Amino acid sequence: MTSARIYSPAKTAMQSGKAKTGRWILEFDRQSPRRVDPLMGYTSSSDMHSQVRLTFATRDAAIAYAQKHKIAYRVEEPHVPKRRRQAYADNFRHDRRTPWTH
């Protein structure tokens, strides 16, 4: 029986934008381990499900797809970072915890 995980990807650390973060992805778990080709060093697998990534607009749509096709799934909730609002002028306050120096 195939199993899958449903998750919403996090924002990339390389850019400040939030592109491709509002969607949900259904990704199948690996059924067989990867193996290394002794001659060339390439990794390969006989599992074709590991190459499939399905994209959905909502979490409910991804769950409905998994239930319709009788796929065992687990949902991983997205981590929402805590944003701390701070003014630029706070960097130069006289009562900072650590003194500001060059």
N, C-alpha and C. Protein backbone atom coordinates (compact mmCIF):
# COMPACT_ATOMS: atom_id res chain seq x y z
N MET A 1 0.84 -1.18 0.00
CA MET A 1 0.00 0.00 0.00
C MET A 1 0.88 1.24 0.00
N THR A 2 0.56 2.16 -0.85
CA THR A 2 1.35 3.38 -0.93
C THR A 2 0.91 4.35 0.15
N SER A 3 1.86 5.12 0.62
CA SER A 3 1.55 6.16 1.60
C SER A 3 2.16 7.46 1.10
N ALA A 4 1.61 8.56 1.58
CA ALA A 4 2.05 9.87 1.11
C ALA A 4 2.01 10.86 2.26
N ARG A 5 2.67 11.97 2.04
CA ARG A 5 2.61 13.06 3.01
C ARG A 5 2.08 14.28 2.30
N ILE A 6 1.26 15.03 3.00
CA ILE A 6 0.67 16.26 2.47
C ILE A 6 1.22 17.40 3.31
N TYR A 7 1.82 18.38 2.64
CA TYR A 7 2.43 19.49 3.36
C TYR A 7 2.39 20.75 2.52
N SER A 8 2.61 21.87 3.17
CA SER A 8 2.72 23.16 2.51
C SER A 8 4.17 23.60 2.63
N PRO A 9 4.87 23.84 1.52
CA PRO A 9 6.29 24.17 1.61
C PRO A 9 6.53 25.51 2.29
N ALA A 10 7.64 25.60 2.98
CA ALA A 10 8.02 26.82 3.67
C ALA A 10 8.68 27.79 2.70
N LYS A 11 8.78 29.02 3.13
CA LYS A 11 9.46 30.04 2.35
C LYS A 11 10.94 29.69 2.26
N THR A 12 11.54 29.92 1.09
CA THR A 12 12.95 29.61 0.95
C THR A 12 13.79 30.60 1.76
N ALA A 13 14.91 30.15 2.25
CA ALA A 13 15.77 31.02 3.04
C ALA A 13 16.60 31.96 2.17
N MET A 14 16.64 31.71 0.88
CA MET A 14 17.49 32.50 0.01
C MET A 14 16.83 33.80 -0.46
N GLN A 15 15.51 33.89 -0.36
CA GLN A 15 14.82 35.09 -0.82
C GLN A 15 13.79 35.51 0.22
N SER A 16 13.43 36.78 0.18
CA SER A 16 12.47 37.27 1.16
C SER A 16 11.03 37.11 0.70
N GLY A 17 10.80 36.79 -0.57
CA GLY A 17 9.45 36.64 -1.08
C GLY A 17 8.80 35.36 -0.61
N LYS A 18 7.48 35.30 -0.78
CA LYS A 18 6.73 34.13 -0.34
C LYS A 18 6.12 33.38 -1.51
N ALA A 19 6.79 33.35 -2.63
CA ALA A 19 6.28 32.64 -3.80
C ALA A 19 6.24 31.14 -3.52
N LYS A 20 5.25 30.47 -4.07
CA LYS A 20 5.09 29.02 -3.98
C LYS A 20 4.90 28.53 -2.54
N THR A 21 4.35 29.35 -1.66
CA THR A 21 4.14 28.92 -0.29
C THR A 21 2.67 28.68 0.04
N GLY A 22 1.74 29.13 -0.76
CA GLY A 22 0.34 28.99 -0.44
C GLY A 22 -0.28 27.69 -0.92
N ARG A 23 0.47 26.87 -1.58
CA ARG A 23 -0.08 25.64 -2.14
C ARG A 23 0.23 24.45 -1.24
N TRP A 24 -0.43 23.33 -1.51
CA TRP A 24 -0.23 22.10 -0.76
C TRP A 24 0.28 21.02 -1.70
N ILE A 25 1.20 20.21 -1.24
CA ILE A 25 1.84 19.20 -2.07
C ILE A 25 1.59 17.82 -1.48
N LEU A 26 1.24 16.88 -2.34
CA LEU A 26 1.12 15.47 -1.96
C LEU A 26 2.33 14.78 -2.56
N GLU A 27 3.15 14.21 -1.71
CA GLU A 27 4.40 13.57 -2.13
C GLU A 27 4.42 12.14 -1.58
N PHE A 28 4.65 11.18 -2.45
CA PHE A 28 4.65 9.78 -2.05
C PHE A 28 5.92 9.43 -1.29
N ASP A 29 5.78 8.53 -0.32
CA ASP A 29 6.94 8.04 0.43
C ASP A 29 7.72 7.05 -0.42
N ARG A 30 8.99 6.91 -0.11
CA ARG A 30 9.87 6.01 -0.84
C ARG A 30 9.55 4.56 -0.46
N GLN A 31 9.31 3.72 -1.46
CA GLN A 31 8.99 2.32 -1.23
C GLN A 31 10.23 1.43 -1.19
N SER A 32 11.25 1.80 -1.95
CA SER A 32 12.49 1.02 -1.96
C SER A 32 13.67 1.98 -1.83
N PRO A 33 14.75 1.54 -1.23
CA PRO A 33 15.89 2.45 -1.04
C PRO A 33 16.62 2.74 -2.36
N ARG A 34 17.28 3.86 -2.38
CA ARG A 34 18.10 4.20 -3.55
C ARG A 34 19.37 3.37 -3.52
N ARG A 35 19.92 3.15 -4.69
CA ARG A 35 21.18 2.42 -4.77
C ARG A 35 22.14 3.18 -5.68
N VAL A 36 23.41 3.00 -5.45
CA VAL A 36 24.44 3.71 -6.18
C VAL A 36 25.00 2.80 -7.27
N ASP A 37 25.07 3.34 -8.48
CA ASP A 37 25.66 2.60 -9.59
C ASP A 37 27.17 2.53 -9.37
N PRO A 38 27.77 1.35 -9.35
CA PRO A 38 29.20 1.25 -9.02
C PRO A 38 30.11 1.86 -10.08
N LEU A 39 29.69 1.89 -11.33
CA LEU A 39 30.55 2.41 -12.39
C LEU A 39 30.55 3.93 -12.45
N MET A 40 29.36 4.54 -12.50
CA MET A 40 29.27 5.98 -12.68
C MET A 40 29.03 6.76 -11.39
N GLY A 41 28.52 6.08 -10.37
CA GLY A 41 28.26 6.76 -9.11
C GLY A 41 26.90 7.43 -9.04
N TYR A 42 26.05 7.22 -10.05
CA TYR A 42 24.71 7.79 -10.04
C TYR A 42 23.84 7.06 -9.03
N THR A 43 22.89 7.78 -8.44
CA THR A 43 21.92 7.12 -7.57
C THR A 43 20.67 6.84 -8.39
N SER A 44 20.08 5.69 -8.17
CA SER A 44 18.87 5.32 -8.89
C SER A 44 17.95 4.56 -7.96
N SER A 45 16.71 4.44 -8.40
CA SER A 45 15.71 3.73 -7.62
C SER A 45 14.71 3.11 -8.57
N SER A 46 14.15 1.99 -8.20
CA SER A 46 13.13 1.35 -9.01
C SER A 46 11.74 1.84 -8.63
N ASP A 47 11.65 2.72 -7.68
CA ASP A 47 10.38 3.23 -7.20
C ASP A 47 9.97 4.47 -8.01
N MET A 48 8.91 4.35 -8.79
CA MET A 48 8.46 5.46 -9.62
C MET A 48 7.58 6.44 -8.85
N HIS A 49 6.98 5.99 -7.75
CA HIS A 49 6.13 6.89 -6.97
C HIS A 49 6.93 8.02 -6.32
N SER A 50 8.20 7.80 -6.06
CA SER A 50 9.00 8.83 -5.41
C SER A 50 9.27 10.02 -6.31
N GLN A 51 9.00 9.89 -7.59
CA GLN A 51 9.21 10.99 -8.53
C GLN A 51 7.96 11.85 -8.71
N VAL A 52 6.85 11.45 -8.11
CA VAL A 52 5.58 12.13 -8.31
C VAL A 52 5.33 13.13 -7.19
N ARG A 53 5.04 14.38 -7.57
CA ARG A 53 4.64 15.43 -6.63
C ARG A 53 3.41 16.10 -7.20
N LEU A 54 2.31 15.99 -6.50
CA LEU A 54 1.07 16.59 -6.95
C LEU A 54 0.81 17.87 -6.17
N THR A 55 0.40 18.92 -6.87
CA THR A 55 0.18 20.22 -6.26
C THR A 55 -1.31 20.51 -6.21
N PHE A 56 -1.77 21.03 -5.07
CA PHE A 56 -3.17 21.37 -4.87
C PHE A 56 -3.28 22.78 -4.31
N ALA A 57 -4.40 23.42 -4.58
CA ALA A 57 -4.61 24.79 -4.11
C ALA A 57 -4.91 24.83 -2.61
N THR A 58 -5.60 23.81 -2.11
CA THR A 58 -5.97 23.80 -0.70
C THR A 58 -5.61 22.46 -0.06
N ARG A 59 -5.57 22.47 1.24
CA ARG A 59 -5.29 21.26 2.00
C ARG A 59 -6.43 20.25 1.84
N ASP A 60 -7.65 20.74 1.84
CA ASP A 60 -8.80 19.85 1.71
C ASP A 60 -8.83 19.16 0.36
N ALA A 61 -8.38 19.84 -0.69
CA ALA A 61 -8.34 19.22 -2.02
C ALA A 61 -7.32 18.08 -2.05
N ALA A 62 -6.20 18.26 -1.39
CA ALA A 62 -5.18 17.21 -1.35
C ALA A 62 -5.66 16.01 -0.55
N ILE A 63 -6.35 16.27 0.55
CA ILE A 63 -6.89 15.17 1.36
C ILE A 63 -7.98 14.43 0.60
N ALA A 64 -8.83 15.17 -0.11
CA ALA A 64 -9.90 14.54 -0.89
C ALA A 64 -9.32 13.65 -1.99
N TYR A 65 -8.24 14.09 -2.62
CA TYR A 65 -7.59 13.29 -3.66
C TYR A 65 -7.04 11.99 -3.07
N ALA A 66 -6.39 12.10 -1.92
CA ALA A 66 -5.82 10.91 -1.28
C ALA A 66 -6.91 9.93 -0.85
N GLN A 67 -8.01 10.44 -0.34
CA GLN A 67 -9.10 9.56 0.07
C GLN A 67 -9.79 8.92 -1.13
N LYS A 68 -9.93 9.68 -2.21
CA LYS A 68 -10.59 9.16 -3.40
C LYS A 68 -9.80 8.01 -4.02
N HIS A 69 -8.47 8.13 -4.00
CA HIS A 69 -7.61 7.10 -4.60
C HIS A 69 -7.08 6.09 -3.58
N LYS A 70 -7.64 6.13 -2.37
CA LYS A 70 -7.30 5.18 -1.30
C LYS A 70 -5.81 5.15 -1.00
N ILE A 71 -5.25 6.34 -0.82
CA ILE A 71 -3.83 6.49 -0.49
C ILE A 71 -3.75 6.83 1.00
N ALA A 72 -2.96 6.07 1.73
CA ALA A 72 -2.73 6.40 3.14
C ALA A 72 -1.91 7.69 3.19
N TYR A 73 -2.32 8.62 4.01
CA TYR A 73 -1.63 9.92 4.02
C TYR A 73 -1.45 10.40 5.44
N ARG A 74 -0.52 11.36 5.59
CA ARG A 74 -0.34 12.08 6.83
C ARG A 74 -0.18 13.55 6.47
N VAL A 75 -0.77 14.40 7.26
CA VAL A 75 -0.75 15.84 7.00
C VAL A 75 0.25 16.48 7.95
N GLU A 76 1.17 17.26 7.39
CA GLU A 76 2.13 18.02 8.19
C GLU A 76 1.73 19.48 8.12
N GLU A 77 1.36 20.03 9.26
CA GLU A 77 0.92 21.42 9.31
C GLU A 77 2.11 22.35 9.10
N PRO A 78 1.89 23.46 8.40
CA PRO A 78 3.01 24.39 8.17
C PRO A 78 3.40 25.13 9.44
N HIS A 79 4.68 25.39 9.56
CA HIS A 79 5.19 26.16 10.69
C HIS A 79 5.05 27.64 10.37
N VAL A 80 4.38 28.36 11.23
CA VAL A 80 4.18 29.80 11.03
C VAL A 80 5.19 30.53 11.91
N PRO A 81 6.14 31.25 11.29
CA PRO A 81 7.14 31.94 12.10
C PRO A 81 6.55 33.14 12.84
N LYS A 82 7.07 33.41 14.02
CA LYS A 82 6.64 34.57 14.78
C LYS A 82 7.42 35.79 14.29
N ARG A 83 6.71 36.78 13.89
CA ARG A 83 7.35 38.01 13.42
C ARG A 83 7.39 39.01 14.56
N ARG A 84 8.56 39.57 14.80
CA ARG A 84 8.72 40.57 15.83
C ARG A 84 8.90 41.93 15.17
N ARG A 85 7.97 42.81 15.41
CA ARG A 85 8.05 44.13 14.80
C ARG A 85 9.00 45.00 15.60
N GLN A 86 9.91 45.65 14.90
CA GLN A 86 10.88 46.49 15.56
C GLN A 86 11.18 47.66 14.64
N ALA A 87 11.26 48.82 15.21
CA ALA A 87 11.56 50.02 14.43
C ALA A 87 13.07 50.12 14.21
N TYR A 88 13.45 50.76 13.12
CA TYR A 88 14.87 50.94 12.83
C TYR A 88 15.54 51.79 13.89
N ALA A 89 14.81 52.73 14.46
CA ALA A 89 15.38 53.62 15.47
C ALA A 89 15.73 52.86 16.75
N ASP A 90 15.12 51.69 16.98
CA ASP A 90 15.45 50.92 18.17
C ASP A 90 16.89 50.43 18.17
N ASN A 91 17.54 50.39 17.02
CA ASN A 91 18.94 49.98 16.95
C ASN A 91 19.86 50.99 17.63
N PHE A 92 19.41 52.23 17.77
CA PHE A 92 20.26 53.30 18.29
C PHE A 92 19.77 53.83 19.64
N ARG A 93 18.95 53.09 20.34
CA ARG A 93 18.46 53.54 21.64
C ARG A 93 19.58 53.55 22.66
N HIS A 94 19.50 54.45 23.62
CA HIS A 94 20.56 54.54 24.63
C HIS A 94 20.45 53.43 25.67
N ASP A 95 19.28 52.81 25.81
CA ASP A 95 19.10 51.77 26.82
C ASP A 95 19.05 50.36 26.21
N ARG A 96 19.84 50.15 25.18
CA ARG A 96 19.92 48.81 24.57
C ARG A 96 20.55 47.81 25.52
N ARG A 97 20.25 46.54 25.33
CA ARG A 97 20.86 45.51 26.18
C ARG A 97 22.35 45.39 25.88
N THR A 98 22.69 45.42 24.60
CA THR A 98 24.11 45.40 24.23
C THR A 98 24.43 46.73 23.57
N PRO A 99 25.53 47.31 23.91
CA PRO A 99 25.85 48.63 23.35
C PRO A 99 26.13 48.55 21.85
N TRP A 100 25.73 49.57 21.15
CA TRP A 100 25.94 49.63 19.70
C TRP A 100 27.30 50.26 19.45
N THR A 101 28.16 49.55 18.76
CA THR A 101 29.49 50.08 18.44
C THR A 101 29.82 49.71 17.01
N HIS A 102 30.86 50.30 16.52
CA HIS A 102 31.31 49.98 15.16
C HIS A 102 32.25 48.83 15.19
